[in-house]
Protein backbone atom coordinates (compact mmCIF):
# COMPACT_ATOMS: atom_id res chain seq x y z
CA MET A 1 -30.35 23.23 -10.63
CA MET A 2 -28.48 20.61 -12.70
CA ARG A 3 -26.27 23.29 -14.31
CA ARG A 4 -25.28 24.49 -10.85
CA MET A 5 -24.71 20.87 -9.83
CA LYS A 6 -22.34 20.28 -12.75
CA SER A 7 -20.40 23.45 -11.94
CA CYS A 8 -20.03 22.36 -8.31
CA LEU A 9 -18.79 18.92 -9.33
CA VAL A 10 -16.16 20.46 -11.61
CA CYS A 11 -15.00 22.63 -8.70
CA LEU A 12 -14.96 19.55 -6.47
CA ILE A 13 -12.70 17.60 -8.83
CA LEU A 14 -10.31 20.51 -9.28
CA LEU A 15 -10.08 21.25 -5.56
CA MET A 16 -9.47 17.62 -4.58
CA SER A 17 -6.81 17.20 -7.26
CA PHE A 18 -4.85 20.16 -5.86
CA VAL A 19 -5.52 19.75 -2.15
CA LEU A 20 -5.41 16.01 -1.49
CA PRO A 21 -1.82 14.95 -2.37
CA VAL A 22 -0.36 15.55 1.11
CA TYR A 23 2.25 13.27 2.69
CA ALA A 24 3.86 12.94 6.11
CA ASP A 25 7.42 11.66 6.60
CA MET A 26 6.64 9.40 9.53
CA GLY A 27 5.72 5.81 10.36
CA PRO A 28 7.26 2.61 8.95
CA LYS A 29 9.96 2.68 6.28
CA PRO A 30 10.01 1.07 2.81
CA SER A 31 10.04 -2.73 2.78
CA VAL A 32 10.57 -5.66 0.41
CA HIS A 33 8.82 -9.01 0.82
CA VAL A 34 9.56 -12.11 -1.26
CA ASP A 35 7.06 -14.99 -1.10
CA VAL A 36 8.98 -18.10 -2.11
CA GLU A 37 7.78 -21.41 -3.52
CA CYS A 38 10.57 -23.94 -3.14
CA ASP A 39 10.96 -27.67 -2.40
CA GLU A 40 14.28 -27.30 -0.60
CA GLU A 41 14.37 -28.21 3.10
CA THR A 42 16.86 -25.44 3.86
CA TYR A 43 18.10 -22.47 1.85
CA TYR A 44 19.35 -18.94 2.57
CA MET A 45 18.36 -15.59 1.07
CA THR A 46 19.41 -11.97 1.16
CA LEU A 47 19.33 -8.85 -1.00
CA LEU A 48 22.48 -7.50 -2.60
CA THR A 49 22.34 -3.70 -2.77
CA GLU A 50 23.69 -1.09 -5.17
CA ARG A 51 25.12 0.95 -2.25
CA ARG A 52 27.43 0.02 0.59
CA GLN A 53 24.96 1.27 3.21
CA TYR A 54 21.17 1.48 3.64
CA GLY A 55 20.05 3.07 6.91
CA PRO A 56 21.71 1.12 9.74
CA HIS A 57 22.82 -1.65 7.36
CA ARG A 58 26.46 -1.56 6.25
CA GLU A 59 28.52 -3.72 3.92
CA TYR A 60 29.97 -6.81 5.55
CA GLU A 61 33.75 -6.85 5.66
CA SER A 62 35.13 -8.84 2.76
CA THR A 63 37.29 -10.94 5.06
CA ALA A 64 37.01 -12.02 8.68
CA SER A 65 39.30 -14.48 10.38
CA ASN A 66 36.66 -16.43 12.28
CA ASP A 67 33.76 -16.31 9.80
CA SER A 68 34.66 -19.53 8.02
CA GLU A 69 34.47 -21.47 11.28
CA GLU A 70 31.71 -19.56 13.11
CA ASN A 71 29.43 -18.74 10.17
CA PRO A 72 30.35 -20.60 6.98
CA ILE A 73 27.09 -19.53 5.27
CA LYS A 74 27.93 -15.84 5.72
CA GLU A 75 31.42 -16.52 4.38
CA LYS A 76 29.97 -18.07 1.23
CA PHE A 77 27.75 -15.02 0.69
CA LYS A 78 30.77 -12.74 1.16
CA GLU A 79 32.77 -14.68 -1.38
CA TYR A 80 29.92 -14.40 -3.88
CA ALA A 81 29.49 -10.65 -3.25
CA ILE A 82 33.18 -10.00 -3.88
CA GLN A 83 32.66 -11.14 -7.48
CA ASP A 84 29.50 -9.06 -7.94
CA GLU A 85 29.12 -5.32 -8.52
CA PHE A 86 26.45 -5.18 -5.78
CA TYR A 87 27.13 -5.32 -2.04
CA LEU A 88 26.25 -7.70 0.80
CA VAL A 89 24.55 -5.41 3.32
CA GLY A 90 21.36 -6.93 4.75
CA ASP A 91 20.73 -9.92 7.00
CA ILE A 92 20.92 -13.44 5.62
CA GLU A 93 17.76 -15.37 6.45
CA GLN A 94 17.41 -19.14 6.68
CA LEU A 95 14.23 -20.31 4.93
CA SER A 96 12.51 -23.64 4.41
CA HIS A 97 10.17 -24.86 1.65
CA ASP A 98 7.44 -22.26 0.93
CA ASP A 99 8.55 -19.30 3.00
CA THR A 100 8.86 -15.49 3.00
CA TYR A 101 11.91 -13.26 3.09
CA SER A 102 11.32 -9.74 4.42
CA TRP A 103 13.49 -6.64 4.59
CA THR A 104 11.21 -4.44 6.66
CA TYR A 105 13.34 -1.41 7.53
CA MET A 106 14.97 0.91 5.00
CA ALA A 107 14.84 -1.61 2.17
CA PRO A 108 17.09 -0.75 -0.79
CA GLU A 109 15.70 0.94 -3.88
CA THR A 110 17.77 -1.17 -6.28
CA PHE A 111 18.81 -4.72 -5.42
CA LYS A 112 19.34 -8.32 -6.47
CA ILE A 113 17.77 -11.35 -4.80
CA LEU A 114 20.49 -13.86 -3.91
CA VAL A 115 19.67 -17.41 -2.78
CA TYR A 116 22.09 -20.11 -1.58
CA PHE A 117 21.26 -23.85 -1.53
CA PRO A 118 23.41 -25.98 0.83
CA SER A 119 22.18 -29.21 -0.80
CA THR A 120 23.94 -28.33 -4.04
CA ASP A 121 26.38 -25.72 -2.70
CA SER A 122 25.12 -23.31 -5.36
CA PHE A 123 23.68 -19.82 -5.74
CA LEU A 124 20.85 -18.37 -7.83
CA CYS A 125 20.72 -14.61 -8.31
CA SER A 126 18.16 -12.35 -9.93
CA GLU A 127 18.81 -9.46 -12.26
CA ALA A 128 19.01 -5.98 -10.74
CA MET A 129 15.54 -4.61 -9.99
CA SER A 130 14.00 -1.52 -8.39
CA ARG A 131 11.45 -1.31 -5.61
CA TYR A 132 8.12 -0.61 -7.34
CA ALA A 133 6.00 0.32 -4.30
CA TYR A 134 6.41 1.43 -0.72
CA GLN A 135 5.73 -2.15 0.37
CA SER A 136 6.98 -4.13 -2.60
CA THR A 137 5.92 -7.79 -2.70
CA TYR A 138 7.33 -10.40 -5.07
CA GLN A 139 6.50 -14.00 -5.91
CA LEU A 140 9.56 -16.22 -6.42
CA VAL A 141 9.27 -19.80 -7.74
CA ILE A 142 12.47 -21.87 -7.45
CA ASP A 143 13.31 -25.29 -8.83
CA VAL A 144 16.94 -26.03 -7.99
CA GLU A 145 17.30 -29.11 -10.18
CA SER A 146 16.13 -27.39 -13.35
CA GLY A 147 17.56 -23.99 -12.39
CA ILE A 148 14.16 -22.27 -12.59
CA PHE A 149 14.19 -18.87 -10.91
CA ASP A 150 10.85 -17.26 -11.80
CA LEU A 151 10.34 -13.85 -10.20
CA SER A 152 7.28 -11.58 -10.53
CA GLN A 153 5.59 -8.70 -8.76
CA ASN A 154 2.84 -9.83 -6.40
CA TYR A 155 0.91 -6.68 -5.45
CA ASP A 156 -2.79 -7.37 -4.76
CA TYR A 157 -4.41 -5.05 -7.32
CA SER A 158 -7.64 -7.07 -7.45
CA GLY A 159 -8.17 -6.49 -3.74
CA LEU A 160 -8.29 -2.74 -4.37
CA LEU A 161 -11.36 -3.08 -6.61
CA VAL A 162 -13.16 -5.33 -4.12
CA SER A 163 -12.36 -2.90 -1.31
CA PHE A 164 -13.63 0.08 -3.31
CA LEU A 165 -16.89 -1.60 -4.36
CA PHE A 166 -17.65 -2.69 -0.80
CA CYS A 167 -16.82 0.70 0.78
CA PHE A 168 -18.64 2.61 -1.96
CA SER A 169 -21.80 0.52 -1.57
CA MET A 170 -21.78 0.87 2.23
CA THR A 171 -21.17 4.63 2.06
CA LEU A 172 -23.90 5.20 -0.52
CA LEU A 173 -26.38 3.15 1.51
CA ILE A 174 -25.61 5.12 4.67
CA GLU A 175 -25.77 8.49 2.87
CA ILE A 176 -29.16 7.68 1.31
CA MET A 177 -30.65 6.36 4.56
CA ILE A 178 -29.55 9.45 6.46
CA GLY A 179 -30.72 11.63 3.58
CA LEU A 180 -34.19 10.11 3.87
CA SER A 181 -34.19 10.84 7.59
CA PHE A 182 -33.43 14.49 6.72
CA ASN A 183 -36.48 14.38 4.43
CA PHE A 184 -34.49 14.40 1.19
CA ARG A 185 -37.07 12.29 -0.65
CA VAL A 186 -37.47 14.10 -3.97
CA LYS A 187 -35.87 12.23 -6.89
CA ASN A 188 -33.70 15.19 -7.85
CA GLU A 189 -32.38 15.51 -4.27
CA LEU A 190 -31.44 11.84 -4.10
CA GLN A 191 -29.77 12.07 -7.51
CA ILE A 192 -27.61 14.92 -6.24
CA ILE A 193 -26.59 12.87 -3.17
CA VAL A 194 -25.72 9.86 -5.33
CA MET A 195 -23.74 11.94 -7.86
CA VAL A 196 -21.77 13.81 -5.22
CA ASN A 197 -20.89 10.64 -3.31
CA THR A 198 -19.94 8.80 -6.49
CA VAL A 199 -17.40 11.49 -7.37
CA THR A 200 -16.02 11.94 -3.83
CA GLN A 201 -15.72 8.19 -3.18
CA ILE A 202 -13.90 7.51 -6.46
CA LEU A 203 -11.44 10.34 -5.81
CA LEU A 204 -11.07 9.47 -2.12
CA HIS A 205 -10.34 5.79 -2.72
CA ALA A 206 -8.02 6.51 -5.64
CA PHE A 207 -6.07 8.89 -3.43
CA ILE A 208 -5.93 6.54 -0.44
CA HIS A 209 -4.83 3.52 -2.46
CA PHE A 210 -2.25 5.63 -4.29
CA THR A 211 -0.96 6.75 -0.89
CA LEU A 212 -0.84 3.15 0.34
CA TYR A 213 1.05 2.17 -2.82
CA GLN A 214 3.63 4.91 -2.31
CA ARG A 215 3.63 5.24 1.47
CA ASP A 216 2.93 3.23 4.62
CA ASN A 217 -0.37 2.40 6.38
CA PHE A 218 0.16 4.99 9.12
CA THR A 219 0.63 7.81 6.62
CA ALA A 220 -2.32 6.58 4.57
CA ALA A 221 -4.53 6.58 7.68
CA PHE A 222 -3.47 10.15 8.51
CA CYS A 223 -4.12 11.29 4.93
CA TYR A 224 -7.46 9.46 4.96
CA LEU A 225 -8.56 11.47 8.00
CA MET A 226 -7.49 14.73 6.39
CA ALA A 227 -9.20 13.76 3.12
CA GLU A 228 -12.45 13.01 4.96
CA VAL A 229 -12.41 16.53 6.42
CA ILE A 230 -11.89 17.98 2.94
CA VAL A 231 -14.71 15.82 1.56
CA PHE A 232 -17.04 17.08 4.28
CA VAL A 233 -16.22 20.72 3.47
CA LEU A 234 -16.71 20.23 -0.25
CA GLU A 235 -19.91 18.21 0.11
CA SER A 236 -21.29 20.80 2.52
CA PHE A 237 -20.65 23.51 -0.06
CA ILE A 238 -22.31 21.56 -2.87
CA TYR A 239 -25.31 20.51 -0.77
CA TYR A 240 -25.76 24.08 0.47
CA GLN A 241 -25.82 25.28 -3.14
CA THR A 242 -28.08 22.57 -4.54
CA LEU A 243 -30.36 21.20 -1.79
CA PRO A 244 -33.21 23.03 0.00
CA LYS A 245 -31.85 25.18 2.85
CA LYS A 246 -34.81 24.38 5.09
CA LYS A 247 -33.73 20.73 5.19
CA HIS A 248 -30.34 21.64 6.72
CA PRO A 249 -27.99 20.30 4.00
CA VAL A 250 -24.79 21.24 5.88
CA LEU A 251 -25.93 19.38 8.99
CA TYR A 252 -26.82 16.44 6.77
CA ALA A 253 -23.31 16.46 5.29
CA LEU A 254 -21.80 16.51 8.80
CA VAL A 255 -23.96 13.69 10.15
CA SER A 256 -23.69 11.45 7.07
CA ASN A 257 -19.93 11.84 6.75
CA PHE A 258 -19.36 11.25 10.44
CA ILE A 259 -21.50 8.10 10.53
CA SER A 260 -19.97 6.69 7.34
CA PHE A 261 -16.47 7.42 8.70
CA VAL A 262 -17.18 5.76 12.06
CA THR A 263 -18.77 2.78 10.30
CA GLY A 264 -15.73 2.40 8.06
CA VAL A 265 -13.32 2.52 11.00
CA PHE A 266 -15.45 -0.05 12.86
CA LEU A 267 -15.47 -2.42 9.87
CA VAL A 268 -11.70 -2.06 9.46
CA PHE A 269 -11.18 -2.84 13.16
CA LEU A 270 -13.63 -5.74 13.03
CA SER A 271 -12.07 -7.35 9.97
CA GLY A 272 -8.47 -6.67 10.95
CA MET A 273 -7.84 -4.97 7.61
CA THR A 274 -5.81 -1.83 7.00
CA VAL A 275 -7.22 1.41 5.66
């Protein structure tokens, strides 16, 4: 029995590694978010880009007759960009104290963060950097007087582990409870259920979080649904091969996966979290 179980688990890992990486080119576009810590009452920020155009965003004209009078801040950014090898393309946002700058549609792949301070009539600019995730988040600490411009990635990796441990525990509890209701009470049967769910949940969550890292929430949700269907098919196959037929292992796989899926969706909706 255990030899057959090991063979099935090997097949499960191989199948999921080849089948799961599926993407859909839909939903929101890449974004960049900069969480700023700054004591300044008013300052302005934008991203300089390596290309003259990103999506609907185009390079501002280098000169404009009325800009100096109508929008002196934009004129200052234009004058700075003329001296830089990167281009002024995106919107210029006015920020205050601890604030967030966001480029939420078609954010550039390579860019510089440029900040202007009216109080000192000065700029601070980062080095060129590349977007590291589909929704790239940065932490920027600014001290104008000392010239500190400390920039770091701010992706919430610790939250992934907490999310996995919570979802894994809930799923395992549901699977065991339903397994007991299907009369899977022998130690070996429960061990099979625990082993199968441990493997599928690790692979499932690794895939979903990788998708979230590379793609948007909508795509991740779609892939999550497809992955759940694949998990059901694979678990049904393993349970059919390893659990007693008279206890309806395929029906158990259907019921347990459906209930755990519905419970997960309900918890996501209740907490306001994303997949």
